[in-house]
Amino acid sequence: MLDVVDLNIEFHDHLLPETVVFDFDLHMDEGEIVGLVGESGSGKTMSALSIAGLLSRKHMKKRGKIEFMGTDILNCPRKELRRLQGNDISMVFQEPMTSLDPLKTIGYQVEESLMIHTELTAPERMEKVLSALRDVELSEPEKLIRCYPHELSGGMRQRVMIAAALICEPKLLICDEPTTALDVTIQAQIIELLKKVNREHHTAILFISHDLSLVRQLCERVLVMYQGNIVESGPCEEVFFRPKHSYTKQLIAAIPRFEKLK
């Protein structure tokens, strides 16, 4: 489904060019869940934005190949890219309050992709919106569609973002640290929701995080990034229990471990 080969990303908005991603490789099959971990500034988000076709073509140079279901993401016409975005490839960002429009209702924002990518009638679109909100386990969707983002909790807003991302039944869902702004209880609920989405819709998920414990709960494979490079990759259990790179060992050593009080 997705093949990324030798992706390099170089910024040209400073006095000297700056490369932020080096020789990034990723292969994903349909329905697979892959984790991408690393510290802030390691290149995770830049790589993901490239896959989603969301990086500017003006102020940066991208070399390599990103092929999604036969389409060359790096070089295809913008019209073809817009057809894919929100339809076959969707993205959920870290902070839903900055991603959702504060002046538009929840119903409109979940429905928006359907208006762009489908020819459904207004009643048909609204039925899909209500169904999508139920699928992400939000109660009373008939009331919710008339609400604005500030009227919802952080966990509810993130569920709305996931519903909006899934409304067109994409083949690939990219989640860029979707649980960072949430408390641990809500984090666990979002992870379970993503598992359900994958199980019921066979949606492939690229899950970006700096939290290895969440990645281990959700993902089948994991890639570890450090300073723009993939330093280690493999099945989660292998990387977690037999890490090879010193940076991966440091990440795993930093995972908090709960110990009962004596």
C-alpha atoms as a PDB file:
ATOM      1  CA  MET A   1       0.000   0.000   0.000  1.00  0.00           C
ATOM      2  CA  LEU A   2       2.735   2.482   0.978  1.00  0.00           C
ATOM      3  CA  ASP A   3       6.393   2.497  -0.024  1.00  0.00           C
ATOM      4  CA  VAL A   4       8.765   5.221   1.134  1.00  0.00           C
ATOM      5  CA  VAL A   5      12.328   4.813  -0.136  1.00  0.00           C
ATOM      6  CA  ASP A   6      15.350   7.024   0.623  1.00  0.00           C
ATOM      7  CA  LEU A   7      13.271  10.055   1.614  1.00  0.00           C
ATOM      8  CA  ASN A   8      15.420  13.105   2.345  1.00  0.00           C
ATOM      9  CA  ILE A   9      13.919  16.443   3.404  1.00  0.00           C
ATOM     10  CA  GLU A  10      15.983  19.604   3.109  1.00  0.00           C
ATOM     11  CA  PHE A  11      14.838  23.088   4.156  1.00  0.00           C
ATOM     12  CA  HIS A  12      15.808  26.106   2.059  1.00  0.00           C
ATOM     13  CA  ASP A  13      14.290  28.886   4.178  1.00  0.00           C
ATOM     14  CA  HIS A  14      17.559  29.742   5.966  1.00  0.00           C
ATOM     15  CA  LEU A  15      20.906  31.112   4.803  1.00  0.00           C
ATOM     16  CA  LEU A  16      22.232  27.563   4.412  1.00  0.00           C
ATOM     17  CA  PRO A  17      20.182  24.458   3.440  1.00  0.00           C
ATOM     18  CA  GLU A  18      19.366  22.189   6.385  1.00  0.00           C
ATOM     19  CA  THR A  19      18.556  18.478   6.035  1.00  0.00           C
ATOM     20  CA  VAL A  20      16.115  17.264   8.693  1.00  0.00           C
ATOM     21  CA  VAL A  21      15.337  13.731   7.424  1.00  0.00           C
ATOM     22  CA  PHE A  22      17.961  11.351   6.014  1.00  0.00           C
ATOM     23  CA  ASP A  23      17.251   8.242   3.884  1.00  0.00           C
ATOM     24  CA  PHE A  24      13.889   7.447   5.491  1.00  0.00           C
ATOM     25  CA  ASP A  25      12.440   4.050   4.456  1.00  0.00           C
ATOM     26  CA  LEU A  26       8.988   2.710   5.302  1.00  0.00           C
ATOM     27  CA  HIS A  27       6.845  -0.069   3.872  1.00  0.00           C
ATOM     28  CA  MET A  28       3.253  -0.545   5.047  1.00  0.00           C
ATOM     29  CA  ASP A  29       0.683  -3.117   3.987  1.00  0.00           C
ATOM     30  CA  GLU A  30      -3.069  -2.621   4.144  1.00  0.00           C
ATOM     31  CA  GLY A  31      -4.398  -2.873   7.686  1.00  0.00           C
ATOM     32  CA  GLU A  32      -0.956  -2.734   9.327  1.00  0.00           C
ATOM     33  CA  ILE A  33      -0.203  -0.619  12.416  1.00  0.00           C
ATOM     34  CA  VAL A  34       3.304   0.837  12.532  1.00  0.00           C
ATOM     35  CA  GLY A  35       4.807   3.034  15.234  1.00  0.00           C
ATOM     36  CA  LEU A  36       7.275   5.859  14.627  1.00  0.00           C
ATOM     37  CA  VAL A  37       9.058   6.976  17.793  1.00  0.00           C
ATOM     38  CA  GLY A  38      11.783   9.403  18.755  1.00  0.00           C
ATOM     39  CA  GLU A  39      12.409  12.601  20.685  1.00  0.00           C
ATOM     40  CA  SER A  40      11.096  16.010  19.613  1.00  0.00           C
ATOM     41  CA  GLY A  41      12.955  17.252  16.546  1.00  0.00           C
ATOM     42  CA  SER A  42      13.955  13.769  15.379  1.00  0.00           C
ATOM     43  CA  GLY A  43      12.079  14.110  12.064  1.00  0.00           C
ATOM     44  CA  LYS A  44       8.970  12.044  12.839  1.00  0.00           C
ATOM     45  CA  THR A  45       6.402  14.687  11.992  1.00  0.00           C
ATOM     46  CA  MET A  46       8.278  15.922   8.904  1.00  0.00           C
ATOM     47  CA  SER A  47       8.319  12.375   7.527  1.00  0.00           C
ATOM     48  CA  ALA A  48       4.608  11.936   8.246  1.00  0.00           C
ATOM     49  CA  LEU A  49       3.657  15.277   6.698  1.00  0.00           C
ATOM     50  CA  SER A  50       5.572  14.286   3.559  1.00  0.00           C
ATOM     51  CA  ILE A  51       3.633  11.018   3.330  1.00  0.00           C
ATOM     52  CA  ALA A  52       0.380  12.979   3.700  1.00  0.00           C
ATOM     53  CA  GLY A  53       1.523  15.444   1.016  1.00  0.00           C
ATOM     54  CA  LEU A  54       1.223  18.361   3.449  1.00  0.00           C
ATOM     55  CA  LEU A  55       4.721  19.840   3.184  1.00  0.00           C
ATOM     56  CA  SER A  56       5.296  22.935   1.069  1.00  0.00           C
ATOM     57  CA  ARG A  57       6.847  22.380  -2.342  1.00  0.00           C
ATOM     58  CA  LYS A  58       8.460  25.838  -2.317  1.00  0.00           C
ATOM     59  CA  HIS A  59      10.757  26.175   0.682  1.00  0.00           C
ATOM     60  CA  MET A  60      12.073  22.634   0.906  1.00  0.00           C
ATOM     61  CA  LYS A  61      13.572  19.953  -1.277  1.00  0.00           C
ATOM     62  CA  LYS A  62      12.420  16.356  -1.015  1.00  0.00           C
ATOM     63  CA  ARG A  63      14.338  13.502  -2.610  1.00  0.00           C
ATOM     64  CA  GLY A  64      13.430   9.836  -2.763  1.00  0.00           C
ATOM     65  CA  LYS A  65      10.141   8.075  -3.376  1.00  0.00           C
ATOM     66  CA  ILE A  66       6.772   8.070  -1.652  1.00  0.00           C
ATOM     67  CA  GLU A  67       4.387   5.776  -3.494  1.00  0.00           C
ATOM     68  CA  PHE A  68       0.878   5.344  -2.123  1.00  0.00           C
ATOM     69  CA  MET A  69      -1.292   2.786  -3.936  1.00  0.00           C
ATOM     70  CA  GLY A  70       0.516   3.524  -7.194  1.00  0.00           C
ATOM     71  CA  THR A  71       0.552   7.332  -6.847  1.00  0.00           C
ATOM     72  CA  ASP A  72       3.840   9.243  -6.598  1.00  0.00           C
ATOM     73  CA  ILE A  73       3.077  11.593  -3.674  1.00  0.00           C
ATOM     74  CA  LEU A  74       6.184  13.738  -4.185  1.00  0.00           C
ATOM     75  CA  ASN A  75       5.628  14.505  -7.854  1.00  0.00           C
ATOM     76  CA  CYS A  76       1.954  13.987  -8.686  1.00  0.00           C
ATOM     77  CA  PRO A  77      -0.188  16.974  -9.784  1.00  0.00           C
ATOM     78  CA  ARG A  78      -1.802  18.940  -6.948  1.00  0.00           C
ATOM     79  CA  LYS A  79      -5.258  17.917  -8.175  1.00  0.00           C
ATOM     80  CA  GLU A  80      -4.366  14.247  -7.687  1.00  0.00           C
ATOM     81  CA  LEU A  81      -2.866  15.010  -4.275  1.00  0.00           C
ATOM     82  CA  ARG A  82      -6.025  16.798  -3.140  1.00  0.00           C
ATOM     83  CA  ARG A  83      -8.075  13.780  -4.241  1.00  0.00           C
ATOM     84  CA  LEU A  84      -6.051  11.573  -1.894  1.00  0.00           C
ATOM     85  CA  GLN A  85      -5.920  13.930   1.091  1.00  0.00           C
ATOM     86  CA  GLY A  86      -8.798  13.385   3.492  1.00  0.00           C
ATOM     87  CA  ASN A  87     -10.134  10.634   1.255  1.00  0.00           C
ATOM     88  CA  ASP A  88      -7.512   7.858   1.093  1.00  0.00           C
ATOM     89  CA  ILE A  89      -4.982   9.420   3.494  1.00  0.00           C
ATOM     90  CA  SER A  90      -6.154  11.181   6.663  1.00  0.00           C
ATOM     91  CA  MET A  91      -4.244  12.702   9.551  1.00  0.00           C
ATOM     92  CA  VAL A  92      -5.037  13.271  13.234  1.00  0.00           C
ATOM     93  CA  PHE A  93      -2.931  15.911  14.947  1.00  0.00           C
ATOM     94  CA  GLN A  94      -1.648  16.329  18.492  1.00  0.00           C
ATOM     95  CA  GLU A  95      -3.889  19.158  19.731  1.00  0.00           C
ATOM     96  CA  PRO A  96      -7.468  19.061  18.425  1.00  0.00           C
ATOM     97  CA  MET A  97      -8.279  22.533  19.771  1.00  0.00           C
ATOM     98  CA  THR A  98      -5.861  24.072  17.264  1.00  0.00           C
ATOM     99  CA  SER A  99      -6.984  21.737  14.444  1.00  0.00           C
ATOM    100  CA  LEU A 100     -10.727  22.298  14.846  1.00  0.00           C
ATOM    101  CA  ASP A 101     -12.225  25.589  13.685  1.00  0.00           C
ATOM    102  CA  PRO A 102     -13.663  27.371  16.773  1.00  0.00           C
ATOM    103  CA  LEU A 103     -16.266  29.167  14.633  1.00  0.00           C
ATOM    104  CA  LYS A 104     -17.787  26.083  13.005  1.00  0.00           C
ATOM    105  CA  THR A 105     -19.994  23.394  14.509  1.00  0.00           C
ATOM    106  CA  ILE A 106     -18.779  19.857  15.109  1.00  0.00           C
ATOM    107  CA  GLY A 107     -21.276  18.538  12.563  1.00  0.00           C
ATOM    108  CA  TYR A 108     -19.979  20.799   9.791  1.00  0.00           C
ATOM    109  CA  GLN A 109     -16.340  19.935  10.483  1.00  0.00           C
ATOM    110  CA  VAL A 110     -16.925  16.177  10.434  1.00  0.00           C
ATOM    111  CA  GLU A 111     -19.076  16.528   7.289  1.00  0.00           C
ATOM    112  CA  GLU A 112     -16.582  18.723   5.384  1.00  0.00           C
ATOM    113  CA  SER A 113     -14.609  15.887   3.746  1.00  0.00           C
ATOM    114  CA  LEU A 114     -17.833  14.327   2.484  1.00  0.00           C
ATOM    115  CA  MET A 115     -18.755  17.624   0.814  1.00  0.00           C
ATOM    116  CA  ILE A 116     -15.370  17.727  -0.927  1.00  0.00           C
ATOM    117  CA  HIS A 117     -14.905  14.094  -1.888  1.00  0.00           C
ATOM    118  CA  THR A 118     -18.411  12.663  -2.406  1.00  0.00           C
ATOM    119  CA  GLU A 119     -21.644  13.461  -4.227  1.00  0.00           C
ATOM    120  CA  LEU A 120     -23.882  12.419  -1.347  1.00  0.00           C
ATOM    121  CA  THR A 121     -26.999  14.454  -0.599  1.00  0.00           C
ATOM    122  CA  ALA A 122     -27.166  16.557   2.590  1.00  0.00           C
ATOM    123  CA  PRO A 123     -29.363  13.988   4.451  1.00  0.00           C
ATOM    124  CA  GLU A 124     -27.015  11.164   3.385  1.00  0.00           C
ATOM    125  CA  ARG A 125     -23.978  13.118   4.576  1.00  0.00           C
ATOM    126  CA  MET A 126     -25.596  13.858   7.934  1.00  0.00           C
ATOM    127  CA  GLU A 127     -26.438  10.180   8.440  1.00  0.00           C
ATOM    128  CA  LYS A 128     -22.775   9.336   7.848  1.00  0.00           C
ATOM    129  CA  VAL A 129     -21.683  12.062  10.283  1.00  0.00           C
ATOM    130  CA  LEU A 130     -23.931  10.701  13.039  1.00  0.00           C
ATOM    131  CA  SER A 131     -22.708   7.166  12.328  1.00  0.00           C
ATOM    132  CA  ALA A 132     -19.049   8.285  12.449  1.00  0.00           C
ATOM    133  CA  LEU A 133     -19.568  10.005  15.810  1.00  0.00           C
ATOM    134  CA  ARG A 134     -21.215   6.866  17.180  1.00  0.00           C
ATOM    135  CA  ASP A 135     -18.312   4.768  15.840  1.00  0.00           C
ATOM    136  CA  VAL A 136     -15.852   6.793  17.951  1.00  0.00           C
ATOM    137  CA  GLU A 137     -18.114   6.195  20.949  1.00  0.00           C
ATOM    138  CA  LEU A 138     -19.479   9.712  21.385  1.00  0.00           C
ATOM    139  CA  SER A 139     -22.918   9.726  22.954  1.00  0.00           C
ATOM    140  CA  GLU A 140     -25.877  11.826  21.789  1.00  0.00           C
ATOM    141  CA  PRO A 141     -24.382  12.719  18.378  1.00  0.00           C
ATOM    142  CA  GLU A 142     -27.628  14.503  17.389  1.00  0.00           C
ATOM    143  CA  LYS A 143     -26.868  17.113  20.072  1.00  0.00           C
ATOM    144  CA  LEU A 144     -23.125  17.044  19.530  1.00  0.00           C
ATOM    145  CA  ILE A 145     -23.289  18.125  15.874  1.00  0.00           C
ATOM    146  CA  ARG A 146     -24.682  21.506  16.987  1.00  0.00           C
ATOM    147  CA  CYS A 147     -21.879  22.091  19.510  1.00  0.00           C
ATOM    148  CA  TYR A 148     -18.669  24.095  19.021  1.00  0.00           C
ATOM    149  CA  PRO A 149     -15.177  22.777  19.924  1.00  0.00           C
ATOM    150  CA  HIS A 150     -14.874  24.837  23.132  1.00  0.00           C
ATOM    151  CA  GLU A 151     -17.961  23.089  24.517  1.00  0.00           C
ATOM    152  CA  LEU A 152     -16.236  19.667  24.444  1.00  0.00           C
ATOM    153  CA  SER A 153     -13.595  18.091  26.654  1.00  0.00           C
ATOM    154  CA  GLY A 154     -10.129  17.320  25.284  1.00  0.00           C
ATOM    155  CA  GLY A 155     -10.920  13.631  24.911  1.00  0.00           C
ATOM    156  CA  MET A 156     -14.187  14.358  23.099  1.00  0.00           C
ATOM    157  CA  ARG A 157     -12.437  16.774  20.724  1.00  0.00           C
ATOM    158  CA  GLN A 158      -9.855  14.131  19.863  1.00  0.00           C
ATOM    159  CA  ARG A 159     -12.620  11.621  19.152  1.00  0.00           C
ATOM    160  CA  VAL A 160     -14.250  14.203  16.869  1.00  0.00           C
ATOM    161  CA  MET A 161     -10.931  14.603  15.023  1.00  0.00           C
ATOM    162  CA  ILE A 162     -10.717  10.834  14.566  1.00  0.00           C
ATOM    163  CA  ALA A 163     -14.329  10.726  13.323  1.00  0.00           C
ATOM    164  CA  ALA A 164     -13.568  13.510  10.810  1.00  0.00           C
ATOM    165  CA  ALA A 165     -10.426  11.692   9.662  1.00  0.00           C
ATOM    166  CA  LEU A 166     -12.328   8.426   9.161  1.00  0.00           C
ATOM    167  CA  ILE A 167     -15.514   9.797   7.574  1.00  0.00           C
ATOM    168  CA  CYS A 168     -14.347   8.941   4.014  1.00  0.00           C
ATOM    169  CA  GLU A 169     -13.002   5.526   5.094  1.00  0.00           C
ATOM    170  CA  PRO A 170      -9.312   6.190   4.296  1.00  0.00           C
ATOM    171  CA  LYS A 171      -6.840   3.412   3.610  1.00  0.00           C
ATOM    172  CA  LEU A 172      -4.181   5.118   5.787  1.00  0.00           C
ATOM    173  CA  LEU A 173      -4.657   7.036   9.035  1.00  0.00           C
ATOM    174  CA  ILE A 174      -1.632   9.022  10.261  1.00  0.00           C
ATOM    175  CA  CYS A 175      -1.800   9.856  13.973  1.00  0.00           C
ATOM    176  CA  ASP A 176       0.742  12.497  15.029  1.00  0.00           C
ATOM    177  CA  GLU A 177       1.019  12.180  18.825  1.00  0.00           C
ATOM    178  CA  PRO A 178      -2.783  12.150  19.192  1.00  0.00           C
ATOM    179  CA  THR A 179      -2.733  11.395  22.940  1.00  0.00           C
ATOM    180  CA  THR A 180       0.001  13.766  24.186  1.00  0.00           C
ATOM    181  CA  ALA A 181      -2.416  16.465  25.399  1.00  0.00           C
ATOM    182  CA  LEU A 182      -4.677  13.938  27.193  1.00  0.00           C
ATOM    183  CA  ASP A 183      -4.565  12.398  30.652  1.00  0.00           C
ATOM    184  CA  VAL A 184      -3.566   8.744  30.968  1.00  0.00           C
ATOM    185  CA  THR A 185      -7.130   7.423  31.308  1.00  0.00           C
ATOM    186  CA  ILE A 186      -8.252   9.136  28.101  1.00  0.00           C
ATOM    187  CA  GLN A 187      -5.003   8.056  26.393  1.00  0.00           C
ATOM    188  CA  ALA A 188      -5.909   4.422  27.037  1.00  0.00           C
ATOM    189  CA  GLN A 189      -9.405   4.978  25.626  1.00  0.00           C
ATOM    190  CA  ILE A 190      -8.017   6.542  22.431  1.00  0.00           C
ATOM    191  CA  ILE A 191      -5.596   3.613  21.981  1.00  0.00           C
ATOM    192  CA  GLU A 192      -8.496   1.165  22.323  1.00  0.00           C
ATOM    193  CA  LEU A 193     -10.499   3.230  19.844  1.00  0.00           C
ATOM    194  CA  LEU A 194      -7.667   3.076  17.282  1.00  0.00           C
ATOM    195  CA  LYS A 195      -7.467  -0.701  17.746  1.00  0.00           C
ATOM    196  CA  LYS A 196     -11.216  -0.899  17.088  1.00  0.00           C
ATOM    197  CA  VAL A 197     -10.904   1.262  13.941  1.00  0.00           C
ATOM    198  CA  ASN A 198      -8.145  -0.997  12.639  1.00  0.00           C
ATOM    199  CA  ARG A 199     -10.036  -4.183  13.484  1.00  0.00           C
ATOM    200  CA  GLU A 200     -13.417  -3.142  12.066  1.00  0.00           C
ATOM    201  CA  HIS A 201     -12.358  -1.101   9.017  1.00  0.00           C
ATOM    202  CA  HIS A 202      -8.945  -2.636   8.268  1.00  0.00           C
ATOM    203  CA  THR A 203      -7.461   0.884   8.265  1.00  0.00           C
ATOM    204  CA  ALA A 204      -3.666   1.030   8.236  1.00  0.00           C
ATOM    205  CA  ILE A 205      -2.330   3.308  11.002  1.00  0.00           C
ATOM    206  CA  LEU A 206       0.984   5.141  11.236  1.00  0.00           C
ATOM    207  CA  PHE A 207       1.188   6.075  14.929  1.00  0.00           C
ATOM    208  CA  ILE A 208       3.743   8.762  15.806  1.00  0.00           C
ATOM    209  CA  SER A 209       4.738   9.155  19.433  1.00  0.00           C
ATOM    210  CA  HIS A 210       7.576   9.648  21.871  1.00  0.00           C
ATOM    211  CA  ASP A 211       5.786   7.328  24.328  1.00  0.00           C
ATOM    212  CA  LEU A 212       7.074   3.797  23.803  1.00  0.00           C
ATOM    213  CA  SER A 213       4.579   2.249  26.212  1.00  0.00           C
ATOM    214  CA  LEU A 214       1.667   3.439  24.011  1.00  0.00           C
ATOM    215  CA  VAL A 215       3.428   2.218  20.870  1.00  0.00           C
ATOM    216  CA  ARG A 216       3.883  -1.213  22.405  1.00  0.00           C
ATOM    217  CA  GLN A 217       0.161  -1.420  23.243  1.00  0.00           C
ATOM    218  CA  LEU A 218      -0.960  -0.523  19.719  1.00  0.00           C
ATOM    219  CA  CYS A 219       1.650  -1.298  17.070  1.00  0.00           C
ATOM    220  CA  GLU A 220       2.938  -4.424  15.354  1.00  0.00           C
ATOM    221  CA  ARG A 221       6.191  -2.852  14.101  1.00  0.00           C
ATOM    222  CA  VAL A 222       8.158   0.179  15.242  1.00  0.00           C
ATOM    223  CA  LEU A 223      10.725   2.517  13.689  1.00  0.00           C
ATOM    224  CA  VAL A 224      13.015   4.526  15.966  1.00  0.00           C
ATOM    225  CA  MET A 225      14.204   7.927  14.704  1.00  0.00           C
ATOM    226  CA  TYR A 226      17.108   9.965  16.033  1.00  0.00           C
ATOM    227  CA  GLN A 227      18.450  13.191  14.532  1.00  0.00           C
ATOM    228  CA  GLY A 228      16.646  12.607  11.239  1.00  0.00           C
ATOM    229  CA  ASN A 229      17.741   8.976  10.819  1.00  0.00           C
ATOM    230  CA  ILE A 230      15.985   5.659  11.384  1.00  0.00           C
ATOM    231  CA  VAL A 231      18.393   4.007  13.802  1.00  0.00           C
ATOM    232  CA  GLU A 232      16.377   0.843  14.457  1.00  0.00           C
ATOM    233  CA  SER A 233      13.269  -0.923  13.182  1.00  0.00           C
ATOM    234  CA  GLY A 234      11.521  -4.245  13.599  1.00  0.00           C
ATOM    235  CA  PRO A 235       8.653  -6.026  15.354  1.00  0.00           C
ATOM    236  CA  CYS A 236       7.708  -4.261  18.601  1.00  0.00           C
ATOM    237  CA  GLU A 237       8.561  -7.166  20.866  1.00  0.00           C
ATOM    238  CA  GLU A 238      11.998  -7.568  19.288  1.00  0.00           C
ATOM    239  CA  VAL A 239      12.858  -3.863  19.515  1.00  0.00           C
ATOM    240  CA  PHE A 240      11.565  -3.591  23.087  1.00  0.00           C
ATOM    241  CA  PHE A 241      13.233  -6.683  24.498  1.00  0.00           C
ATOM    242  CA  ARG A 242      16.353  -6.862  22.308  1.00  0.00           C
ATOM    243  CA  PRO A 243      17.214  -3.275  21.345  1.00  0.00           C
ATOM    244  CA  LYS A 244      20.443  -2.879  19.383  1.00  0.00           C
ATOM    245  CA  HIS A 245      21.033   0.859  19.102  1.00  0.00           C
ATOM    246  CA  SER A 246      22.196   2.842  22.123  1.00  0.00           C
ATOM    247  CA  TYR A 247      19.474   5.480  21.620  1.00  0.00           C
ATOM    248  CA  THR A 248      16.733   2.811  21.618  1.00  0.00           C
ATOM    249  CA  LYS A 249      18.196   1.398  24.829  1.00  0.00           C
ATOM    250  CA  GLN A 250      18.035   4.870  26.408  1.00  0.00           C
ATOM    251  CA  LEU A 251      14.399   5.310  25.340  1.00  0.00           C
ATOM    252  CA  ILE A 252      13.385   1.959  26.801  1.00  0.00           C
ATOM    253  CA  ALA A 253      15.301   2.610  30.015  1.00  0.00           C
ATOM    254  CA  ALA A 254      13.333   5.855  30.408  1.00  0.00           C
ATOM    255  CA  ILE A 255       9.910   4.140  30.368  1.00  0.00           C
ATOM    256  CA  PRO A 256       8.352   4.681  33.821  1.00  0.00           C
ATOM    257  CA  ARG A 257       7.777   1.466  35.729  1.00  0.00           C
ATOM    258  CA  PHE A 258       5.150   1.241  38.444  1.00  0.00           C
ATOM    259  CA  GLU A 259       6.309  -0.392  41.666  1.00  0.00           C
ATOM    260  CA  LYS A 260       3.996  -1.241  44.519  1.00  0.00           C
ATOM    261  CA  LEU A 261       4.724   0.475  47.810  1.00  0.00           C
ATOM    262  CA  LYS A 262       5.965  -1.889  50.462  1.00  0.00           C
END
